[in-house]
Amino acid sequence: MTPLIRPFVATDTAACLALFESNMPDFFLPSERVDFEAYLLDPGAYWVAEQNGALVACGGVWQDPSRPERPAGLAWGMVRRDLHRSGLGSLLLRHRLDALRDMGKSECWIDTSQHSAPFFVHHGFQETNRTPDGYGDGMDEVVMVKKLDVGQGQEEGQGHTTAL
């Protein structure tokens, strides 16, 4: 069955926390769970992906016009651990990049770890900074950016849809 991407609702919180926990400790540190749970209280533009009746991925975008050097980017994206490399992460990333384009953004920033950075490099992001152990012991903080072609259509030729 094709995944459905839809806006996050408060009743998705427990399932999103389960996704987070499935990615500990390799992709998220246990200490970050409190921050993610607090974020879910008012996540702004945040989506979930459902497949076969189960929530299998989530992720959002942020905007901050007060930071012209980094005005928009990706927030708290994740795929259930046993579904890594299934295409769900790429699908959700395209959806989020399209949303930023629709908001008129010309670039997308992300703070991620050395474990997820290769995924973003594969999708055209470039590393701008790396802080060893920036998130904690053994978890580097990697800052990355991708230029968005706002006037040129959607990511990799895909239309912006919510039912994929």
C-alpha atoms as a PDB file:
ATOM      1  CA  MET A   1       0.000   0.000   0.000  1.00  0.00           C
ATOM      2  CA  THR A   2       1.174   3.513  -0.837  1.00  0.00           C
ATOM      3  CA  PRO A   3       1.976   5.686   2.208  1.00  0.00           C
ATOM      4  CA  LEU A   4      -0.308   8.584   3.099  1.00  0.00           C
ATOM      5  CA  ILE A   5       1.310  11.793   4.314  1.00  0.00           C
ATOM      6  CA  ARG A   6      -0.992  13.919   6.427  1.00  0.00           C
ATOM      7  CA  PRO A   7      -0.689  16.705   9.009  1.00  0.00           C
ATOM      8  CA  PHE A   8       0.254  15.699  12.548  1.00  0.00           C
ATOM      9  CA  VAL A   9      -2.539  15.749  15.163  1.00  0.00           C
ATOM     10  CA  ALA A  10      -2.115  15.517  18.944  1.00  0.00           C
ATOM     11  CA  THR A  11      -3.331  11.896  18.989  1.00  0.00           C
ATOM     12  CA  ASP A  12      -0.223  10.985  16.930  1.00  0.00           C
ATOM     13  CA  THR A  13       2.085  11.896  19.826  1.00  0.00           C
ATOM     14  CA  ALA A  14       2.512   8.395  21.286  1.00  0.00           C
ATOM     15  CA  ALA A  15       3.215   6.896  17.858  1.00  0.00           C
ATOM     16  CA  CYS A  16       5.775   9.629  17.075  1.00  0.00           C
ATOM     17  CA  LEU A  17       7.508   8.990  20.398  1.00  0.00           C
ATOM     18  CA  ALA A  18       7.626   5.278  19.526  1.00  0.00           C
ATOM     19  CA  LEU A  19       9.302   6.190  16.200  1.00  0.00           C
ATOM     20  CA  PHE A  20      11.831   8.260  18.128  1.00  0.00           C
ATOM     21  CA  GLU A  21      12.554   5.407  20.530  1.00  0.00           C
ATOM     22  CA  SER A  22      13.022   2.969  17.636  1.00  0.00           C
ATOM     23  CA  ASN A  23      15.918   5.185  16.491  1.00  0.00           C
ATOM     24  CA  MET A  24      17.723   5.382  19.857  1.00  0.00           C
ATOM     25  CA  PRO A  25      20.596   5.403  20.578  1.00  0.00           C
ATOM     26  CA  ASP A  26      22.129   5.418  17.082  1.00  0.00           C
ATOM     27  CA  PHE A  27      20.215   8.326  15.556  1.00  0.00           C
ATOM     28  CA  PHE A  28      18.880  10.104  18.662  1.00  0.00           C
ATOM     29  CA  LEU A  29      20.257  10.186  22.169  1.00  0.00           C
ATOM     30  CA  PRO A  30      17.856   9.157  24.944  1.00  0.00           C
ATOM     31  CA  SER A  31      18.312  12.603  26.497  1.00  0.00           C
ATOM     32  CA  GLU A  32      16.765  14.203  23.370  1.00  0.00           C
ATOM     33  CA  ARG A  33      13.390  12.492  23.937  1.00  0.00           C
ATOM     34  CA  VAL A  34      12.265  15.214  26.373  1.00  0.00           C
ATOM     35  CA  ASP A  35      12.968  17.898  23.740  1.00  0.00           C
ATOM     36  CA  PHE A  36      11.058  15.979  21.067  1.00  0.00           C
ATOM     37  CA  GLU A  37       8.089  15.410  23.362  1.00  0.00           C
ATOM     38  CA  ALA A  38       8.001  19.141  24.191  1.00  0.00           C
ATOM     39  CA  TYR A  39       8.231  19.979  20.476  1.00  0.00           C
ATOM     40  CA  LEU A  40       5.177  17.819  19.734  1.00  0.00           C
ATOM     41  CA  LEU A  41       3.038  20.011  22.022  1.00  0.00           C
ATOM     42  CA  ASP A  42       3.049  22.671  19.270  1.00  0.00           C
ATOM     43  CA  PRO A  43       5.041  21.444  16.268  1.00  0.00           C
ATOM     44  CA  GLY A  44       3.874  23.918  13.628  1.00  0.00           C
ATOM     45  CA  ALA A  45       4.216  22.426  10.139  1.00  0.00           C
ATOM     46  CA  TYR A  46       4.646  18.734  10.938  1.00  0.00           C
ATOM     47  CA  TRP A  47       3.501  15.633   9.068  1.00  0.00           C
ATOM     48  CA  VAL A  48       3.189  11.917   9.641  1.00  0.00           C
ATOM     49  CA  ALA A  49       3.298   9.072   7.145  1.00  0.00           C
ATOM     50  CA  GLU A  50       0.909   6.157   7.505  1.00  0.00           C
ATOM     51  CA  GLN A  51       1.288   2.812   5.801  1.00  0.00           C
ATOM     52  CA  ASN A  52      -1.014  -0.173   6.262  1.00  0.00           C
ATOM     53  CA  GLY A  53      -2.750   1.620   9.137  1.00  0.00           C
ATOM     54  CA  ALA A  54       0.469   2.283  11.089  1.00  0.00           C
ATOM     55  CA  LEU A  55       2.337   5.527  11.598  1.00  0.00           C
ATOM     56  CA  VAL A  56       5.778   4.839  10.090  1.00  0.00           C
ATOM     57  CA  ALA A  57       7.478   8.227   9.739  1.00  0.00           C
ATOM     58  CA  CYS A  58       7.197  11.839  10.851  1.00  0.00           C
ATOM     59  CA  GLY A  59       8.915  15.132  10.183  1.00  0.00           C
ATOM     60  CA  GLY A  60       8.384  18.836   9.855  1.00  0.00           C
ATOM     61  CA  VAL A  61       9.790  22.172   8.814  1.00  0.00           C
ATOM     62  CA  TRP A  62      10.520  25.403  10.646  1.00  0.00           C
ATOM     63  CA  GLN A  63      10.775  29.053   9.669  1.00  0.00           C
ATOM     64  CA  ASP A  64      12.551  31.828  11.546  1.00  0.00           C
ATOM     65  CA  PRO A  65      12.550  35.174   9.723  1.00  0.00           C
ATOM     66  CA  SER A  66      14.600  36.696  12.542  1.00  0.00           C
ATOM     67  CA  ARG A  67      17.556  34.542  11.422  1.00  0.00           C
ATOM     68  CA  PRO A  68      18.337  35.658   7.855  1.00  0.00           C
ATOM     69  CA  GLU A  69      21.459  33.461   7.807  1.00  0.00           C
ATOM     70  CA  ARG A  70      19.289  30.346   8.460  1.00  0.00           C
ATOM     71  CA  PRO A  71      15.642  31.257   7.798  1.00  0.00           C
ATOM     72  CA  ALA A  72      14.092  27.785   7.349  1.00  0.00           C
ATOM     73  CA  GLY A  73      14.819  24.104   7.641  1.00  0.00           C
ATOM     74  CA  LEU A  74      13.852  20.594   8.644  1.00  0.00           C
ATOM     75  CA  ALA A  75      12.674  19.561  12.105  1.00  0.00           C
ATOM     76  CA  TRP A  76      12.591  16.178  13.850  1.00  0.00           C
ATOM     77  CA  GLY A  77      12.393  13.848  10.847  1.00  0.00           C
ATOM     78  CA  MET A  78      12.464  10.093  11.395  1.00  0.00           C
ATOM     79  CA  VAL A  79      11.388   6.754   9.981  1.00  0.00           C
ATOM     80  CA  ARG A  80      10.638   3.677  12.046  1.00  0.00           C
ATOM     81  CA  ARG A  81      13.976   1.894  12.437  1.00  0.00           C
ATOM     82  CA  ASP A  82      12.975  -1.378  10.758  1.00  0.00           C
ATOM     83  CA  LEU A  83      11.834   0.603   7.683  1.00  0.00           C
ATOM     84  CA  HIS A  84      15.088   2.514   7.063  1.00  0.00           C
ATOM     85  CA  ARG A  85      16.136   2.296   3.401  1.00  0.00           C
ATOM     86  CA  SER A  86      12.543   1.605   2.308  1.00  0.00           C
ATOM     87  CA  GLY A  87      12.103   4.970   0.553  1.00  0.00           C
ATOM     88  CA  LEU A  88       9.890   6.454   3.278  1.00  0.00           C
ATOM     89  CA  GLY A  89      12.564   8.937   4.382  1.00  0.00           C
ATOM     90  CA  SER A  90      13.048  10.172   0.821  1.00  0.00           C
ATOM     91  CA  LEU A  91       9.297  10.450   0.322  1.00  0.00           C
ATOM     92  CA  LEU A  92       8.835  12.486   3.492  1.00  0.00           C
ATOM     93  CA  LEU A  93      11.894  14.633   2.698  1.00  0.00           C
ATOM     94  CA  ARG A  94      10.486  15.517  -0.748  1.00  0.00           C
ATOM     95  CA  HIS A  95       7.187  16.454   0.883  1.00  0.00           C
ATOM     96  CA  ARG A  96       8.929  18.743   3.371  1.00  0.00           C
ATOM     97  CA  LEU A  97      11.156  20.367   0.732  1.00  0.00           C
ATOM     98  CA  ASP A  98       8.085  21.006  -1.407  1.00  0.00           C
ATOM     99  CA  ALA A  99       6.366  22.609   1.609  1.00  0.00           C
ATOM    100  CA  LEU A 100       9.340  24.952   2.083  1.00  0.00           C
ATOM    101  CA  ARG A 101       9.214  25.862  -1.624  1.00  0.00           C
ATOM    102  CA  ASP A 102       5.492  26.547  -1.287  1.00  0.00           C
ATOM    103  CA  MET A 103       6.391  28.904   1.592  1.00  0.00           C
ATOM    104  CA  GLY A 104       8.745  30.744  -0.775  1.00  0.00           C
ATOM    105  CA  LYS A 105      11.965  29.523   0.847  1.00  0.00           C
ATOM    106  CA  SER A 106      15.113  29.333  -1.289  1.00  0.00           C
ATOM    107  CA  GLU A 107      17.184  27.130   1.000  1.00  0.00           C
ATOM    108  CA  CYS A 108      16.718  24.442   3.609  1.00  0.00           C
ATOM    109  CA  TRP A 109      18.897  23.926   6.686  1.00  0.00           C
ATOM    110  CA  ILE A 110      19.231  20.908   8.936  1.00  0.00           C
ATOM    111  CA  ASP A 111      21.175  20.070  12.074  1.00  0.00           C
ATOM    112  CA  THR A 112      21.739  16.326  12.061  1.00  0.00           C
ATOM    113  CA  SER A 113      24.245  13.725  13.205  1.00  0.00           C
ATOM    114  CA  GLN A 114      27.076  12.022  11.373  1.00  0.00           C
ATOM    115  CA  HIS A 115      24.834   8.945  11.129  1.00  0.00           C
ATOM    116  CA  SER A 116      22.112  10.698   9.095  1.00  0.00           C
ATOM    117  CA  ALA A 117      24.333  13.124   7.152  1.00  0.00           C
ATOM    118  CA  PRO A 118      24.998  10.676   4.259  1.00  0.00           C
ATOM    119  CA  PHE A 119      21.230  10.430   3.606  1.00  0.00           C
ATOM    120  CA  PHE A 120      21.044  14.202   3.235  1.00  0.00           C
ATOM    121  CA  VAL A 121      24.195  14.352   1.073  1.00  0.00           C
ATOM    122  CA  HIS A 122      22.465  11.842  -1.238  1.00  0.00           C
ATOM    123  CA  HIS A 123      19.605  14.368  -1.556  1.00  0.00           C
ATOM    124  CA  GLY A 124      21.833  17.329  -2.419  1.00  0.00           C
ATOM    125  CA  PHE A 125      22.599  18.813   1.004  1.00  0.00           C
ATOM    126  CA  GLN A 126      26.070  20.186   1.672  1.00  0.00           C
ATOM    127  CA  GLU A 127      27.818  20.182   5.028  1.00  0.00           C
ATOM    128  CA  THR A 128      28.649  23.647   6.367  1.00  0.00           C
ATOM    129  CA  ASN A 129      29.872  22.788   9.861  1.00  0.00           C
ATOM    130  CA  ARG A 130      30.619  19.780  12.073  1.00  0.00           C
ATOM    131  CA  THR A 131      30.990  19.795  15.855  1.00  0.00           C
ATOM    132  CA  PRO A 132      32.438  16.563  17.255  1.00  0.00           C
ATOM    133  CA  ASP A 133      30.279  15.298  20.152  1.00  0.00           C
ATOM    134  CA  GLY A 134      28.014  18.325  19.574  1.00  0.00           C
ATOM    135  CA  TYR A 135      24.920  16.418  20.689  1.00  0.00           C
ATOM    136  CA  GLY A 136      26.692  14.274  23.264  1.00  0.00           C
ATOM    137  CA  ASP A 137      29.324  11.579  23.566  1.00  0.00           C
ATOM    138  CA  GLY A 138      29.860  10.007  20.147  1.00  0.00           C
ATOM    139  CA  MET A 139      27.135  12.071  18.437  1.00  0.00           C
ATOM    140  CA  ASP A 140      28.492  14.830  16.190  1.00  0.00           C
ATOM    141  CA  GLU A 141      26.355  17.799  15.206  1.00  0.00           C
ATOM    142  CA  VAL A 142      26.438  18.269  11.438  1.00  0.00           C
ATOM    143  CA  VAL A 143      24.937  21.449   9.947  1.00  0.00           C
ATOM    144  CA  MET A 144      23.861  21.133   6.319  1.00  0.00           C
ATOM    145  CA  VAL A 145      22.101  23.259   3.693  1.00  0.00           C
ATOM    146  CA  LYS A 146      20.360  22.642   0.378  1.00  0.00           C
ATOM    147  CA  LYS A 147      19.490  25.334  -2.165  1.00  0.00           C
ATOM    148  CA  LEU A 148      15.878  25.088  -3.319  1.00  0.00           C
ATOM    149  CA  ASP A 149      14.787  25.964  -6.835  1.00  0.00           C
ATOM    150  CA  VAL A 150      11.634  27.815  -5.805  1.00  0.00           C
ATOM    151  CA  GLY A 151      10.557  28.776  -9.313  1.00  0.00           C
ATOM    152  CA  GLN A 152      11.431  25.478 -10.907  1.00  0.00           C
ATOM    153  CA  GLY A 153       8.842  23.085  -9.538  1.00  0.00           C
ATOM    154  CA  GLN A 154       8.996  20.251  -7.112  1.00  0.00           C
ATOM    155  CA  GLU A 155      11.813  18.100  -5.727  1.00  0.00           C
ATOM    156  CA  GLU A 156      13.055  15.572  -8.269  1.00  0.00           C
ATOM    157  CA  GLY A 157      10.084  16.323 -10.533  1.00  0.00           C
ATOM    158  CA  GLN A 158       7.517  15.192  -7.973  1.00  0.00           C
ATOM    159  CA  GLY A 159       4.278  17.084  -7.449  1.00  0.00           C
ATOM    160  CA  HIS A 160       3.371  18.297  -3.978  1.00  0.00           C
ATOM    161  CA  THR A 161       0.727  15.886  -2.765  1.00  0.00           C
ATOM    162  CA  THR A 162      -0.410  14.648   0.604  1.00  0.00           C
ATOM    163  CA  ALA A 163      -1.584  11.227  -0.518  1.00  0.00           C
ATOM    164  CA  LEU A 164       1.420   9.459  -1.996  1.00  0.00           C
END
